[in-house]
Amino acid sequence: MKILIAVALCSLPLLAQAEEKLPRDVAQFIEQAQMCEHFAGEWDDNDKARQREITQAVEQSCGQAQRQWKRLAARYTAQPRLRKIIDEHANDAVRSFRKQG
């Protein structure tokens, strides 16, 4: 349930960008990058089960966002406007993600 709320909240900035009519793959990347940043900023030492949920959400969202970022950067190399949008949303959590284990 908490993940659904987080997804809904992170999708709000996409409404502002809807005017730009971004390609679907770029919009999906932005959403994943925002989820990645959100979960990477959470930590709960007091609740081990919650921390496992957070770690799993980081691995899923950051891993997916990082793969999308690399694919989109290559795909939109010749389109500077889109490339700038992609790079602006490739936050530190996306850029530095390394799968655990």
PDB file of N, CA and C in Angstrom:
ATOM      1  N   MET A   1       0.813  -1.186   0.000  1.00  0.00           N
ATOM      2  CA  MET A   1       0.000   0.000   0.000  1.00  0.00           C
ATOM      3  C   MET A   1       0.862   1.257   0.000  1.00  0.00           C
ATOM      4  N   LYS A   2       1.931   1.237   0.824  1.00  0.00           N
ATOM      5  CA  LYS A   2       2.818   2.398   0.900  1.00  0.00           C
ATOM      6  C   LYS A   2       3.488   2.660  -0.439  1.00  0.00           C
ATOM      7  N   ILE A   3       3.816   1.604  -1.148  1.00  0.00           N
ATOM      8  CA  ILE A   3       4.461   1.762  -2.451  1.00  0.00           C
ATOM      9  C   ILE A   3       3.483   2.408  -3.442  1.00  0.00           C
ATOM     10  N   LEU A   4       2.223   2.021  -3.389  1.00  0.00           N
ATOM     11  CA  LEU A   4       1.232   2.627  -4.284  1.00  0.00           C
ATOM     12  C   LEU A   4       1.074   4.114  -4.010  1.00  0.00           C
ATOM     13  N   ILE A   5       1.088   4.488  -2.754  1.00  0.00           N
ATOM     14  CA  ILE A   5       0.986   5.906  -2.401  1.00  0.00           C
ATOM     15  C   ILE A   5       2.214   6.651  -2.910  1.00  0.00           C
ATOM     16  N   ALA A   6       3.385   6.060  -2.728  1.00  0.00           N
ATOM     17  CA  ALA A   6       4.619   6.696  -3.198  1.00  0.00           C
ATOM     18  C   ALA A   6       4.607   6.856  -4.714  1.00  0.00           C
ATOM     19  N   VAL A   7       4.133   5.844  -5.419  1.00  0.00           N
ATOM     20  CA  VAL A   7       4.050   5.928  -6.883  1.00  0.00           C
ATOM     21  C   VAL A   7       3.115   7.055  -7.290  1.00  0.00           C
ATOM     22  N   ALA A   8       1.986   7.148  -6.626  1.00  0.00           N
ATOM     23  CA  ALA A   8       1.022   8.203  -6.956  1.00  0.00           C
ATOM     24  C   ALA A   8       1.615   9.581  -6.707  1.00  0.00           C
ATOM     25  N   LEU A   9       2.297   9.739  -5.582  1.00  0.00           N
ATOM     26  CA  LEU A   9       2.908  11.036  -5.265  1.00  0.00           C
ATOM     27  C   LEU A   9       4.034  11.386  -6.224  1.00  0.00           C
ATOM     28  N   CYS A  10       4.807  10.409  -6.598  1.00  0.00           N
ATOM     29  CA  CYS A  10       5.915  10.670  -7.511  1.00  0.00           C
ATOM     30  C   CYS A  10       5.438  10.930  -8.935  1.00  0.00           C
ATOM     31  N   SER A  11       4.231  10.543  -9.244  1.00  0.00           N
ATOM     32  CA  SER A  11       3.691  10.761 -10.584  1.00  0.00           C
ATOM     33  C   SER A  11       3.182  12.182 -10.783  1.00  0.00           C
ATOM     34  N   LEU A  12       2.966  12.910  -9.715  1.00  0.00           N
ATOM     35  CA  LEU A  12       2.444  14.269  -9.832  1.00  0.00           C
ATOM     36  C   LEU A  12       3.317  15.170 -10.692  1.00  0.00           C
ATOM     37  N   PRO A  13       4.646  15.139 -10.555  1.00  0.00           N
ATOM     38  CA  PRO A  13       5.457  15.997 -11.426  1.00  0.00           C
ATOM     39  C   PRO A  13       5.302  15.660 -12.910  1.00  0.00           C
ATOM     40  N   LEU A  14       4.921  14.443 -13.209  1.00  0.00           N
ATOM     41  CA  LEU A  14       4.735  14.063 -14.609  1.00  0.00           C
ATOM     42  C   LEU A  14       3.567  14.819 -15.234  1.00  0.00           C
ATOM     43  N   LEU A  15       2.600  15.192 -14.416  1.00  0.00           N
ATOM     44  CA  LEU A  15       1.465  15.944 -14.942  1.00  0.00           C
ATOM     45  C   LEU A  15       1.919  17.291 -15.489  1.00  0.00           C
ATOM     46  N   ALA A  16       2.870  17.907 -14.818  1.00  0.00           N
ATOM     47  CA  ALA A  16       3.393  19.191 -15.287  1.00  0.00           C
ATOM     48  C   ALA A  16       4.141  19.018 -16.596  1.00  0.00           C
ATOM     49  N   GLN A  17       4.793  17.883 -16.768  1.00  0.00           N
ATOM     50  CA  GLN A  17       5.561  17.641 -17.979  1.00  0.00           C
ATOM     51  C   GLN A  17       4.691  17.114 -19.112  1.00  0.00           C
ATOM     52  N   ALA A  18       3.452  16.795 -18.822  1.00  0.00           N
ATOM     53  CA  ALA A  18       2.573  16.245 -19.849  1.00  0.00           C
ATOM     54  C   ALA A  18       2.405  17.224 -21.003  1.00  0.00           C
ATOM     55  N   GLU A  19       2.517  18.513 -20.701  1.00  0.00           N
ATOM     56  CA  GLU A  19       2.401  19.515 -21.748  1.00  0.00           C
ATOM     57  C   GLU A  19       3.487  19.364 -22.796  1.00  0.00           C
ATOM     58  N   GLU A  20       4.640  18.863 -22.386  1.00  0.00           N
ATOM     59  CA  GLU A  20       5.770  18.705 -23.296  1.00  0.00           C
ATOM     60  C   GLU A  20       5.602  17.515 -24.231  1.00  0.00           C
ATOM     61  N   LYS A  21       4.693  16.630 -23.924  1.00  0.00           N
ATOM     62  CA  LYS A  21       4.472  15.424 -24.734  1.00  0.00           C
ATOM     63  C   LYS A  21       5.773  14.636 -24.903  1.00  0.00           C
ATOM     64  N   LEU A  22       6.320  14.226 -23.781  1.00  0.00           N
ATOM     65  CA  LEU A  22       7.530  13.422 -23.813  1.00  0.00           C
ATOM     66  C   LEU A  22       7.213  12.039 -24.365  1.00  0.00           C
ATOM     67  N   PRO A  23       8.177  11.430 -25.027  1.00  0.00           N
ATOM     68  CA  PRO A  23       7.967  10.037 -25.454  1.00  0.00           C
ATOM     69  C   PRO A  23       7.687   9.165 -24.227  1.00  0.00           C
ATOM     70  N   ARG A  24       6.890   8.160 -24.433  1.00  0.00           N
ATOM     71  CA  ARG A  24       6.482   7.284 -23.332  1.00  0.00           C
ATOM     72  C   ARG A  24       7.672   6.704 -22.570  1.00  0.00           C
ATOM     73  N   ASP A  25       8.708   6.260 -23.278  1.00  0.00           N
ATOM     74  CA  ASP A  25       9.855   5.660 -22.597  1.00  0.00           C
ATOM     75  C   ASP A  25      10.585   6.675 -21.717  1.00  0.00           C
ATOM     76  N   VAL A  26      10.626   7.925 -22.133  1.00  0.00           N
ATOM     77  CA  VAL A  26      11.273   8.972 -21.331  1.00  0.00           C
ATOM     78  C   VAL A  26      10.430   9.265 -20.089  1.00  0.00           C
ATOM     79  N   ALA A  27       9.127   9.357 -20.247  1.00  0.00           N
ATOM     80  CA  ALA A  27       8.236   9.592 -19.107  1.00  0.00           C
ATOM     81  C   ALA A  27       8.325   8.448 -18.092  1.00  0.00           C
ATOM     82  N   GLN A  28       8.410   7.222 -18.579  1.00  0.00           N
ATOM     83  CA  GLN A  28       8.535   6.070 -17.686  1.00  0.00           C
ATOM     84  C   GLN A  28       9.867   6.109 -16.940  1.00  0.00           C
ATOM     85  N   PHE A  29      10.923   6.514 -17.642  1.00  0.00           N
ATOM     86  CA  PHE A  29      12.222   6.639 -16.991  1.00  0.00           C
ATOM     87  C   PHE A  29      12.168   7.677 -15.870  1.00  0.00           C
ATOM     88  N   ILE A  30      11.551   8.814 -16.135  1.00  0.00           N
ATOM     89  CA  ILE A  30      11.453   9.875 -15.130  1.00  0.00           C
ATOM     90  C   ILE A  30      10.734   9.353 -13.883  1.00  0.00           C
ATOM     91  N   GLU A  31       9.672   8.617 -14.094  1.00  0.00           N
ATOM     92  CA  GLU A  31       8.924   8.053 -12.969  1.00  0.00           C
ATOM     93  C   GLU A  31       9.796   7.089 -12.161  1.00  0.00           C
ATOM     94  N   GLN A  32      10.512   6.197 -12.842  1.00  0.00           N
ATOM     95  CA  GLN A  32      11.376   5.248 -12.144  1.00  0.00           C
ATOM     96  C   GLN A  32      12.513   5.964 -11.416  1.00  0.00           C
ATOM     97  N   ALA A  33      13.087   6.982 -12.047  1.00  0.00           N
ATOM     98  CA  ALA A  33      14.179   7.732 -11.424  1.00  0.00           C
ATOM     99  C   ALA A  33      13.690   8.427 -10.151  1.00  0.00           C
ATOM    100  N   GLN A  34      12.480   8.956 -10.173  1.00  0.00           N
ATOM    101  CA  GLN A  34      11.919   9.596  -8.981  1.00  0.00           C
ATOM    102  C   GLN A  34      11.662   8.568  -7.883  1.00  0.00           C
ATOM    103  N   MET A  35      11.162   7.404  -8.256  1.00  0.00           N
ATOM    104  CA  MET A  35      10.957   6.336  -7.267  1.00  0.00           C
ATOM    105  C   MET A  35      12.288   5.898  -6.672  1.00  0.00           C
ATOM    106  N   CYS A  36      13.286   5.769  -7.509  1.00  0.00           N
ATOM    107  CA  CYS A  36      14.618   5.385  -7.063  1.00  0.00           C
ATOM    108  C   CYS A  36      15.136   6.375  -6.025  1.00  0.00           C
ATOM    109  N   GLU A  37      15.052   7.645  -6.347  1.00  0.00           N
ATOM    110  CA  GLU A  37      15.546   8.680  -5.437  1.00  0.00           C
ATOM    111  C   GLU A  37      14.757   8.669  -4.124  1.00  0.00           C
ATOM    112  N   HIS A  38      13.458   8.476  -4.231  1.00  0.00           N
ATOM    113  CA  HIS A  38      12.613   8.439  -3.031  1.00  0.00           C
ATOM    114  C   HIS A  38      13.044   7.306  -2.097  1.00  0.00           C
ATOM    115  N   PHE A  39      13.120   6.098  -2.617  1.00  0.00           N
ATOM    116  CA  PHE A  39      13.450   4.958  -1.762  1.00  0.00           C
ATOM    117  C   PHE A  39      14.909   4.963  -1.317  1.00  0.00           C
ATOM    118  N   ALA A  40      15.806   5.473  -2.142  1.00  0.00           N
ATOM    119  CA  ALA A  40      17.213   5.537  -1.752  1.00  0.00           C
ATOM    120  C   ALA A  40      17.407   6.489  -0.569  1.00  0.00           C
ATOM    121  N   GLY A  41      16.500   7.438  -0.405  1.00  0.00           N
ATOM    122  CA  GLY A  41      16.598   8.386   0.703  1.00  0.00           C
ATOM    123  C   GLY A  41      15.949   7.902   1.991  1.00  0.00           C
ATOM    124  N   GLU A  42      15.347   6.741   1.977  1.00  0.00           N
ATOM    125  CA  GLU A  42      14.700   6.202   3.182  1.00  0.00           C
ATOM    126  C   GLU A  42      15.631   5.229   3.896  1.00  0.00           C
ATOM    127  N   TRP A  43      15.466   5.155   5.193  1.00  0.00           N
ATOM    128  CA  TRP A  43      16.215   4.183   5.978  1.00  0.00           C
ATOM    129  C   TRP A  43      15.453   3.959   7.266  1.00  0.00           C
ATOM    130  N   ASP A  44      15.373   2.731   7.725  1.00  0.00           N
ATOM    131  CA  ASP A  44      14.653   2.432   8.955  1.00  0.00           C
ATOM    132  C   ASP A  44      15.407   1.369   9.728  1.00  0.00           C
ATOM    133  N   ASP A  45      16.233   1.812  10.666  1.00  0.00           N
ATOM    134  CA  ASP A  45      17.001   0.875  11.494  1.00  0.00           C
ATOM    135  C   ASP A  45      16.134   0.167  12.529  1.00  0.00           C
ATOM    136  N   ASN A  46      15.003   0.741  12.854  1.00  0.00           N
ATOM    137  CA  ASN A  46      14.161   0.194  13.916  1.00  0.00           C
ATOM    138  C   ASN A  46      13.254  -0.935  13.443  1.00  0.00           C
ATOM    139  N   ASP A  47      13.017  -1.029  12.170  1.00  0.00           N
ATOM    140  CA  ASP A  47      12.081  -2.017  11.646  1.00  0.00           C
ATOM    141  C   ASP A  47      12.765  -2.789  10.515  1.00  0.00           C
ATOM    142  N   LYS A  48      13.248  -3.971  10.838  1.00  0.00           N
ATOM    143  CA  LYS A  48      14.007  -4.776   9.863  1.00  0.00           C
ATOM    144  C   LYS A  48      13.154  -5.176   8.666  1.00  0.00           C
ATOM    145  N   ALA A  49      11.883  -5.472   8.898  1.00  0.00           N
ATOM    146  CA  ALA A  49      11.001  -5.849   7.784  1.00  0.00           C
ATOM    147  C   ALA A  49      10.824  -4.663   6.838  1.00  0.00           C
ATOM    148  N   ARG A  50      10.622  -3.475   7.394  1.00  0.00           N
ATOM    149  CA  ARG A  50      10.473  -2.282   6.556  1.00  0.00           C
ATOM    150  C   ARG A  50      11.760  -2.002   5.801  1.00  0.00           C
ATOM    151  N   GLN A  51      12.901  -2.198   6.449  1.00  0.00           N
ATOM    152  CA  GLN A  51      14.171  -1.955   5.775  1.00  0.00           C
ATOM    153  C   GLN A  51      14.356  -2.923   4.608  1.00  0.00           C
ATOM    154  N   ARG A  52      13.907  -4.157   4.758  1.00  0.00           N
ATOM    155  CA  ARG A  52      13.972  -5.119   3.646  1.00  0.00           C
ATOM    156  C   ARG A  52      13.092  -4.644   2.489  1.00  0.00           C
ATOM    157  N   GLU A  53      11.899  -4.100   2.805  1.00  0.00           N
ATOM    158  CA  GLU A  53      11.015  -3.556   1.763  1.00  0.00           C
ATOM    159  C   GLU A  53      11.688  -2.402   1.027  1.00  0.00           C
ATOM    160  N   ILE A  54      12.323  -1.531   1.791  1.00  0.00           N
ATOM    161  CA  ILE A  54      13.004  -0.375   1.204  1.00  0.00           C
ATOM    162  C   ILE A  54      14.141  -0.837   0.300  1.00  0.00           C
ATOM    163  N   THR A  55      14.942  -1.779   0.796  1.00  0.00           N
ATOM    164  CA  THR A  55      16.065  -2.288   0.010  1.00  0.00           C
ATOM    165  C   THR A  55      15.576  -2.928  -1.283  1.00  0.00           C
ATOM    166  N   GLN A  56      14.508  -3.686  -1.202  1.00  0.00           N
ATOM    167  CA  GLN A  56      13.934  -4.324  -2.392  1.00  0.00           C
ATOM    168  C   GLN A  56      13.422  -3.265  -3.373  1.00  0.00           C
ATOM    169  N   ALA A  57      12.762  -2.233  -2.869  1.00  0.00           N
ATOM    170  CA  ALA A  57      12.241  -1.164  -3.726  1.00  0.00           C
ATOM    171  C   ALA A  57      13.381  -0.392  -4.385  1.00  0.00           C
ATOM    172  N   VAL A  58      14.473  -0.176  -3.662  1.00  0.00           N
ATOM    173  CA  VAL A  58      15.644   0.509  -4.228  1.00  0.00           C
ATOM    174  C   VAL A  58      16.228  -0.330  -5.357  1.00  0.00           C
ATOM    175  N   GLU A  59      16.413  -1.620  -5.102  1.00  0.00           N
ATOM    176  CA  GLU A  59      16.997  -2.487  -6.129  1.00  0.00           C
ATOM    177  C   GLU A  59      16.123  -2.532  -7.376  1.00  0.00           C
ATOM    178  N   GLN A  60      14.813  -2.590  -7.193  1.00  0.00           N
ATOM    179  CA  GLN A  60      13.911  -2.664  -8.342  1.00  0.00           C
ATOM    180  C   GLN A  60      13.889  -1.340  -9.091  1.00  0.00           C
ATOM    181  N   SER A  61      13.595  -0.252  -8.392  1.00  0.00           N
ATOM    182  CA  SER A  61      13.423   1.036  -9.083  1.00  0.00           C
ATOM    183  C   SER A  61      14.743   1.600  -9.600  1.00  0.00           C
ATOM    184  N   CYS A  62      15.794   1.528  -8.803  1.00  0.00           N
ATOM    185  CA  CYS A  62      17.082   2.077  -9.244  1.00  0.00           C
ATOM    186  C   CYS A  62      17.702   1.229 -10.349  1.00  0.00           C
ATOM    187  N   GLY A  63      17.578  -0.085 -10.216  1.00  0.00           N
ATOM    188  CA  GLY A  63      18.100  -0.960 -11.265  1.00  0.00           C
ATOM    189  C   GLY A  63      17.405  -0.712 -12.595  1.00  0.00           C
ATOM    190  N   GLN A  64      16.084  -0.618 -12.543  1.00  0.00           N
ATOM    191  CA  GLN A  64      15.327  -0.369 -13.766  1.00  0.00           C
ATOM    192  C   GLN A  64      15.647   1.017 -14.326  1.00  0.00           C
ATOM    193  N   ALA A  65      15.698   2.028 -13.476  1.00  0.00           N
ATOM    194  CA  ALA A  65      15.984   3.387 -13.935  1.00  0.00           C
ATOM    195  C   ALA A  65      17.379   3.474 -14.553  1.00  0.00           C
ATOM    196  N   GLN A  66      18.332   2.793 -13.954  1.00  0.00           N
ATOM    197  CA  GLN A  66      19.697   2.838 -14.492  1.00  0.00           C
ATOM    198  C   GLN A  66      19.771   2.171 -15.866  1.00  0.00           C
ATOM    199  N   ARG A  67      19.089   1.051 -16.041  1.00  0.00           N
ATOM    200  CA  ARG A  67      19.058   0.392 -17.350  1.00  0.00           C
ATOM    201  C   ARG A  67      18.364   1.281 -18.379  1.00  0.00           C
ATOM    202  N   GLN A  68      17.252   1.893 -17.978  1.00  0.00           N
ATOM    203  CA  GLN A  68      16.523   2.790 -18.879  1.00  0.00           C
ATOM    204  C   GLN A  68      17.399   3.985 -19.260  1.00  0.00           C
ATOM    205  N   TRP A  69      18.070   4.559 -18.285  1.00  0.00           N
ATOM    206  CA  TRP A  69      18.926   5.724 -18.522  1.00  0.00           C
ATOM    207  C   TRP A  69      19.969   5.424 -19.589  1.00  0.00           C
ATOM    208  N   LYS A  70      20.652   4.306 -19.455  1.00  0.00           N
ATOM    209  CA  LYS A  70      21.688   3.934 -20.428  1.00  0.00           C
ATOM    210  C   LYS A  70      21.083   3.715 -21.821  1.00  0.00           C
ATOM    211  N   ARG A  71      19.949   3.050 -21.870  1.00  0.00           N
ATOM    212  CA  ARG A  71      19.290   2.769 -23.150  1.00  0.00           C
ATOM    213  C   ARG A  71      18.791   4.066 -23.805  1.00  0.00           C
ATOM    214  N   LEU A  72      18.171   4.932 -23.010  1.00  0.00           N
ATOM    215  CA  LEU A  72      17.633   6.182 -23.547  1.00  0.00           C
ATOM    216  C   LEU A  72      18.743   7.147 -23.958  1.00  0.00           C
ATOM    217  N   ALA A  73      19.828   7.177 -23.213  1.00  0.00           N
ATOM    218  CA  ALA A  73      20.942   8.058 -23.562  1.00  0.00           C
ATOM    219  C   ALA A  73      21.479   7.700 -24.945  1.00  0.00           C
ATOM    220  N   ALA A  74      21.546   6.415 -25.235  1.00  0.00           N
ATOM    221  CA  ALA A  74      22.005   5.990 -26.554  1.00  0.00           C
ATOM    222  C   ALA A  74      20.937   6.256 -27.624  1.00  0.00           C
ATOM    223  N   ARG A  75      19.694   6.003 -27.269  1.00  0.00           N
ATOM    224  CA  ARG A  75      18.601   6.155 -28.241  1.00  0.00           C
ATOM    225  C   ARG A  75      18.395   7.611 -28.669  1.00  0.00           C
ATOM    226  N   TYR A  76      18.532   8.541 -27.730  1.00  0.00           N
ATOM    227  CA  TYR A  76      18.238   9.943 -28.015  1.00  0.00           C
ATOM    228  C   TYR A  76      19.494  10.817 -28.130  1.00  0.00           C
ATOM    229  N   THR A  77      20.598  10.236 -28.488  1.00  0.00           N
ATOM    230  CA  THR A  77      21.847  10.968 -28.640  1.00  0.00           C
ATOM    231  C   THR A  77      21.699  12.150 -29.598  1.00  0.00           C
ATOM    232  N   ALA A  78      20.981  11.972 -30.675  1.00  0.00           N
ATOM    233  CA  ALA A  78      20.837  13.015 -31.699  1.00  0.00           C
ATOM    234  C   ALA A  78      19.718  14.015 -31.388  1.00  0.00           C
ATOM    235  N   GLN A  79      19.102  13.897 -30.212  1.00  0.00           N
ATOM    236  CA  GLN A  79      18.016  14.807 -29.841  1.00  0.00           C
ATOM    237  C   GLN A  79      18.384  15.532 -28.537  1.00  0.00           C
ATOM    238  N   PRO A  80      19.080  16.653 -28.643  1.00  0.00           N
ATOM    239  CA  PRO A  80      19.607  17.334 -27.454  1.00  0.00           C
ATOM    240  C   PRO A  80      18.554  17.720 -26.412  1.00  0.00           C
ATOM    241  N   ARG A  81      17.364  18.114 -26.831  1.00  0.00           N
ATOM    242  CA  ARG A  81      16.327  18.493 -25.859  1.00  0.00           C
ATOM    243  C   ARG A  81      15.943  17.303 -24.986  1.00  0.00           C
ATOM    244  N   LEU A  82      15.703  16.161 -25.613  1.00  0.00           N
ATOM    245  CA  LEU A  82      15.339  14.967 -24.854  1.00  0.00           C
ATOM    246  C   LEU A  82      16.525  14.457 -24.039  1.00  0.00           C
ATOM    247  N   ARG A  83      17.695  14.525 -24.626  1.00  0.00           N
ATOM    248  CA  ARG A  83      18.893  14.064 -23.908  1.00  0.00           C
ATOM    249  C   ARG A  83      19.107  14.892 -22.638  1.00  0.00           C
ATOM    250  N   LYS A  84      18.845  16.190 -22.720  1.00  0.00           N
ATOM    251  CA  LYS A  84      18.990  17.059 -21.548  1.00  0.00           C
ATOM    252  C   LYS A  84      17.974  16.667 -20.473  1.00  0.00           C
ATOM    253  N   ILE A  85      16.742  16.416 -20.857  1.00  0.00           N
ATOM    254  CA  ILE A  85      15.700  16.000 -19.907  1.00  0.00           C
ATOM    255  C   ILE A  85      16.090  14.686 -19.243  1.00  0.00           C
ATOM    256  N   ILE A  86      16.571  13.744 -20.034  1.00  0.00           N
ATOM    257  CA  ILE A  86      16.985  12.438 -19.509  1.00  0.00           C
ATOM    258  C   ILE A  86      18.120  12.614 -18.507  1.00  0.00           C
ATOM    259  N   ASP A  87      19.135  13.375 -18.879  1.00  0.00           N
ATOM    260  CA  ASP A  87      20.284  13.565 -17.998  1.00  0.00           C
ATOM    261  C   ASP A  87      19.921  14.319 -16.723  1.00  0.00           C
ATOM    262  N   GLU A  88      18.998  15.262 -16.825  1.00  0.00           N
ATOM    263  CA  GLU A  88      18.565  16.008 -15.636  1.00  0.00           C
ATOM    264  C   GLU A  88      17.849  15.112 -14.630  1.00  0.00           C
ATOM    265  N   HIS A  89      17.196  14.074 -15.116  1.00  0.00           N
ATOM    266  CA  HIS A  89      16.456  13.181 -14.222  1.00  0.00           C
ATOM    267  C   HIS A  89      17.269  11.958 -13.792  1.00  0.00           C
ATOM    268  N   ALA A  90      18.457  11.816 -14.332  1.00  0.00           N
ATOM    269  CA  ALA A  90      19.335  10.726 -13.899  1.00  0.00           C
ATOM    270  C   ALA A  90      20.029  11.203 -12.622  1.00  0.00           C
ATOM    271  N   ASN A  91      19.296  11.155 -11.506  1.00  0.00           N
ATOM    272  CA  ASN A  91      19.797  11.655 -10.231  1.00  0.00           C
ATOM    273  C   ASN A  91      20.947  10.787  -9.702  1.00  0.00           C
ATOM    274  N   ASP A  92      21.540  11.212  -8.606  1.00  0.00           N
ATOM    275  CA  ASP A  92      22.678  10.485  -8.028  1.00  0.00           C
ATOM    276  C   ASP A  92      22.330   9.039  -7.699  1.00  0.00           C
ATOM    277  N   ALA A  93      21.116   8.806  -7.216  1.00  0.00           N
ATOM    278  CA  ALA A  93      20.714   7.442  -6.869  1.00  0.00           C
ATOM    279  C   ALA A  93      20.697   6.533  -8.098  1.00  0.00           C
ATOM    280  N   VAL A  94      20.282   7.054  -9.225  1.00  0.00           N
ATOM    281  CA  VAL A  94      20.268   6.289 -10.475  1.00  0.00           C
ATOM    282  C   VAL A  94      21.692   6.075 -10.970  1.00  0.00           C
ATOM    283  N   ARG A  95      22.469   7.130 -10.996  1.00  0.00           N
ATOM    284  CA  ARG A  95      23.837   7.055 -11.525  1.00  0.00           C
ATOM    285  C   ARG A  95      24.751   6.147 -10.715  1.00  0.00           C
ATOM    286  N   SER A  96      24.574   6.133  -9.397  1.00  0.00           N
ATOM    287  CA  SER A  96      25.503   5.399  -8.535  1.00  0.00           C
ATOM    288  C   SER A  96      24.992   4.035  -8.092  1.00  0.00           C
ATOM    289  N   PHE A  97      23.824   3.619  -8.537  1.00  0.00           N
ATOM    290  CA  PHE A  97      23.248   2.357  -8.072  1.00  0.00           C
ATOM    291  C   PHE A  97      24.145   1.178  -8.418  1.00  0.00           C
ATOM    292  N   ARG A  98      24.341   0.323  -7.436  1.00  0.00           N
ATOM    293  CA  ARG A  98      25.055  -0.938  -7.603  1.00  0.00           C
ATOM    294  C   ARG A  98      24.232  -2.012  -6.907  1.00  0.00           C
ATOM    295  N   LYS A  99      23.912  -3.065  -7.602  1.00  0.00           N
ATOM    296  CA  LYS A  99      23.115  -4.148  -7.033  1.00  0.00           C
ATOM    297  C   LYS A  99      23.873  -4.791  -5.872  1.00  0.00           C
ATOM    298  N   GLN A 100      23.145  -5.015  -4.787  1.00  0.00           N
ATOM    299  CA  GLN A 100      23.746  -5.618  -3.597  1.00  0.00           C
ATOM    300  C   GLN A 100      23.862  -7.126  -3.789  1.00  0.00           C
ATOM    301  N   GLY A 101      24.923  -7.654  -3.237  1.00  0.00           N
ATOM    302  CA  GLY A 101      25.074  -9.103  -3.203  1.00  0.00           C
ATOM    303  C   GLY A 101      25.613  -9.648  -4.417  1.00  0.00           C
TER     304      GLY A 101
END
